[in-house]
Amino acid sequence: MGWSILRGFRELLPEEMEFRRTVIEAIRRVFELYGFREVLTPTLEPFELFERKAGEEIERGMFVFTDKGGRRVVLRPEMTAPVSRTFARLAKAASLPVKWYYIANMFRYEEPQRLRYREFWQAGVEVIGADSLESDLEVLMVTSDALREAGLERHFLRVGDVRIVRGMLAAR
């Protein structure tokens, strides 16, 4: 075992890092053009943060362990819960809506497959305090524009709310 890479993880060589950096910079430009501001939460989080959301199946997919202090902790599997926690801590001082984005590594203990790793990078946006169709549309538009800017000219977004679809079609 000694020098091998753990199953589901990978090393990125200089050419891959250059490509990754180009994609991330393109996505970041679009997010910021739309007025989103970057946040980053800890990679290691208390298990309780995800416990309510995590059923037994989801928990099996998380890297959960007990730290030296006896606390159950998890390697961050997603960003919505940590971003929500961060907002809740600052809510009194925040003017709404809050528009945040993140580009961070996530960890899921799932069966590795082609192009599916246990450590992966995820980019996303969160709009907090704006329960409107316009903010839903903005999230879809920034997502589509970020994918296009990152070089994915041909992509599709699956939307389950016909009001959002109508609004997007009217906006374009």
Protein backbone atom coordinates (compact mmCIF):
# COMPACT_ATOMS: atom_id res chain seq x y z
CA MET A 1 0.00 0.00 0.00
CA GLY A 2 2.65 2.56 1.15
CA TRP A 3 2.93 4.89 -1.83
CA SER A 4 -0.43 4.31 -3.51
CA ILE A 5 -3.29 6.80 -3.61
CA LEU A 6 -6.37 5.94 -1.57
CA ARG A 7 -9.25 4.55 -3.62
CA GLY A 8 -11.56 7.32 -4.80
CA PHE A 9 -8.96 10.08 -4.51
CA ARG A 10 -6.57 11.50 -7.08
CA GLU A 11 -3.55 13.67 -7.64
CA LEU A 12 -3.70 16.57 -10.07
CA LEU A 13 -0.66 17.18 -12.23
CA PRO A 14 0.40 20.66 -13.41
CA GLU A 15 -1.63 20.55 -16.65
CA GLU A 16 -4.74 19.44 -14.76
CA MET A 17 -4.19 22.15 -12.14
CA GLU A 18 -3.88 24.78 -14.85
CA PHE A 19 -7.17 23.65 -16.43
CA ARG A 20 -8.85 23.51 -13.01
CA ARG A 21 -7.62 27.01 -12.16
CA THR A 22 -8.92 28.38 -15.50
CA VAL A 23 -12.36 26.85 -14.92
CA ILE A 24 -12.56 28.11 -11.32
CA GLU A 25 -11.52 31.63 -12.34
CA ALA A 26 -14.19 31.66 -15.07
CA ILE A 27 -16.89 30.53 -12.64
CA ARG A 28 -15.75 33.02 -9.99
CA ARG A 29 -15.91 35.90 -12.53
CA VAL A 30 -19.52 35.09 -13.40
CA PHE A 31 -20.61 34.65 -9.78
CA GLU A 32 -19.09 38.02 -8.88
CA LEU A 33 -20.56 39.70 -11.96
CA TYR A 34 -23.98 38.77 -10.55
CA GLY A 35 -23.06 40.29 -7.20
CA PHE A 36 -22.34 37.11 -5.25
CA ARG A 37 -19.60 37.24 -2.60
CA GLU A 38 -17.35 34.32 -1.73
CA VAL A 39 -17.50 32.40 1.56
CA LEU A 40 -15.59 29.37 2.79
CA THR A 41 -16.52 27.15 5.71
CA PRO A 42 -14.37 24.62 7.57
CA THR A 43 -13.57 21.33 5.85
CA LEU A 44 -14.16 19.50 9.14
CA GLU A 45 -17.59 20.08 10.67
CA PRO A 46 -19.55 18.81 13.68
CA PHE A 47 -21.64 15.79 12.69
CA GLU A 48 -24.72 17.42 14.25
CA LEU A 49 -24.75 20.01 11.47
CA PHE A 50 -25.66 17.29 8.96
CA GLU A 51 -27.45 14.87 11.30
CA ARG A 52 -30.95 16.31 10.81
CA LYS A 53 -30.59 16.19 7.05
CA ALA A 54 -28.82 12.84 7.08
CA GLY A 55 -30.83 9.70 7.08
CA GLU A 56 -29.05 6.39 7.52
CA GLU A 57 -28.26 6.21 3.79
CA ILE A 58 -26.76 9.72 3.68
CA GLU A 59 -24.78 9.08 6.85
CA ARG A 60 -23.24 6.01 5.22
CA GLY A 61 -22.03 8.32 2.45
CA MET A 62 -20.21 10.70 4.80
CA PHE A 63 -16.72 10.48 6.23
CA VAL A 64 -17.74 10.45 9.91
CA PHE A 65 -15.29 9.79 12.71
CA THR A 66 -14.58 10.62 16.32
CA ASP A 67 -11.83 13.18 16.87
CA LYS A 68 -9.31 13.09 19.73
CA GLY A 69 -11.68 15.17 21.85
CA GLY A 70 -14.41 12.54 21.55
CA ARG A 71 -16.62 14.62 19.21
CA ARG A 72 -18.30 13.12 16.14
CA VAL A 73 -17.06 15.09 13.14
CA VAL A 74 -17.54 14.85 9.39
CA LEU A 75 -15.56 15.91 6.35
CA ARG A 76 -17.82 18.43 4.60
CA PRO A 77 -20.17 16.50 2.20
CA GLU A 78 -21.97 19.62 0.90
CA MET A 79 -22.09 23.36 1.52
CA THR A 80 -25.73 24.35 2.05
CA ALA A 81 -25.83 23.42 5.75
CA PRO A 82 -22.48 25.09 6.61
CA VAL A 83 -23.41 28.25 4.66
CA SER A 84 -26.79 28.36 6.42
CA ARG A 85 -25.07 27.99 9.79
CA THR A 86 -22.68 30.82 8.91
CA PHE A 87 -25.58 33.05 7.93
CA ALA A 88 -27.51 32.19 11.12
CA ARG A 89 -24.54 33.32 13.22
CA LEU A 90 -24.42 36.67 11.37
CA ALA A 91 -28.13 37.15 10.63
CA LYS A 92 -28.70 40.17 12.87
CA ALA A 93 -25.97 42.17 11.13
CA ALA A 94 -26.83 41.10 7.57
CA SER A 95 -28.93 43.11 5.17
CA LEU A 96 -31.11 40.90 3.00
CA PRO A 97 -30.90 39.34 0.57
CA VAL A 98 -27.49 37.80 1.12
CA LYS A 99 -25.85 36.47 -2.05
CA TRP A 100 -22.95 34.14 -1.34
CA TYR A 101 -21.00 31.69 -3.45
CA TYR A 102 -18.51 28.96 -2.69
CA ILE A 103 -15.97 26.89 -4.56
CA ALA A 104 -14.71 24.19 -2.24
CA ASN A 105 -13.76 20.56 -1.91
CA MET A 106 -16.35 18.07 -0.62
CA PHE A 107 -16.02 14.50 0.59
CA ARG A 108 -18.44 11.60 0.17
CA TYR A 109 -17.76 7.99 1.02
CA GLU A 110 -19.41 6.54 -2.07
CA GLU A 111 -18.37 3.84 -4.48
CA PRO A 112 -15.80 5.44 -6.82
CA GLN A 113 -16.79 5.36 -10.49
CA ARG A 114 -15.49 6.91 -13.68
CA LEU A 115 -15.28 10.68 -13.08
CA ARG A 116 -16.81 10.26 -9.60
CA TYR A 117 -14.39 10.60 -6.72
CA ARG A 118 -14.64 10.61 -2.95
CA GLU A 119 -13.07 14.07 -2.88
CA PHE A 120 -14.44 16.51 -5.42
CA TRP A 121 -14.80 20.24 -5.96
CA GLN A 122 -18.17 21.93 -6.03
CA ALA A 123 -19.18 25.46 -6.94
CA GLY A 124 -22.52 26.92 -5.98
CA VAL A 125 -24.50 29.98 -5.03
CA GLU A 126 -26.90 30.62 -2.17
CA VAL A 127 -29.44 33.44 -2.01
CA ILE A 128 -30.69 33.90 1.54
CA GLY A 129 -33.65 36.09 2.45
CA ALA A 130 -35.21 36.49 -0.99
CA ASP A 131 -38.20 34.21 -1.45
CA SER A 132 -39.02 35.35 -4.94
CA LEU A 133 -39.23 33.93 -8.40
CA GLU A 134 -36.64 36.52 -9.49
CA SER A 135 -34.01 35.11 -7.13
CA ASP A 136 -34.76 31.56 -8.32
CA LEU A 137 -34.35 32.74 -11.90
CA GLU A 138 -31.12 34.53 -11.04
CA VAL A 139 -29.67 31.32 -9.57
CA LEU A 140 -30.50 29.45 -12.78
CA MET A 141 -29.14 32.22 -14.98
CA VAL A 142 -25.87 32.53 -13.04
CA THR A 143 -25.50 28.74 -13.17
CA SER A 144 -26.03 28.63 -16.92
CA ASP A 145 -23.72 31.59 -17.53
CA ALA A 146 -21.01 30.08 -15.29
CA LEU A 147 -21.17 26.76 -17.16
CA ARG A 148 -20.93 28.59 -20.48
CA GLU A 149 -18.01 30.76 -19.29
CA ALA A 150 -16.24 27.61 -18.05
CA GLY A 151 -16.45 26.19 -21.58
CA LEU A 152 -19.61 24.08 -21.42
CA GLU A 153 -21.50 25.65 -24.30
CA ARG A 154 -23.94 22.75 -24.53
CA HIS A 155 -25.56 22.08 -21.18
CA PHE A 156 -29.03 21.78 -19.77
CA LEU A 157 -30.65 22.60 -16.45
CA ARG A 158 -33.46 20.43 -15.17
CA VAL A 159 -36.12 22.52 -13.43
CA GLY A 160 -39.18 21.14 -11.66
CA ASP A 161 -41.18 24.37 -11.33
CA VAL A 162 -43.01 25.59 -14.44
CA ARG A 163 -43.08 29.20 -13.10
CA ILE A 164 -39.29 29.26 -13.13
CA VAL A 165 -39.15 27.85 -16.65
CA ARG A 166 -41.62 30.49 -17.90
CA GLY A 167 -39.64 33.25 -16.20
CA MET A 168 -36.35 32.07 -17.71
CA LEU A 169 -37.85 31.92 -21.18
CA ALA A 170 -39.26 35.42 -20.77
CA ALA A 171 -35.90 36.76 -19.52
CA ARG A 172 -33.85 35.43 -22.45
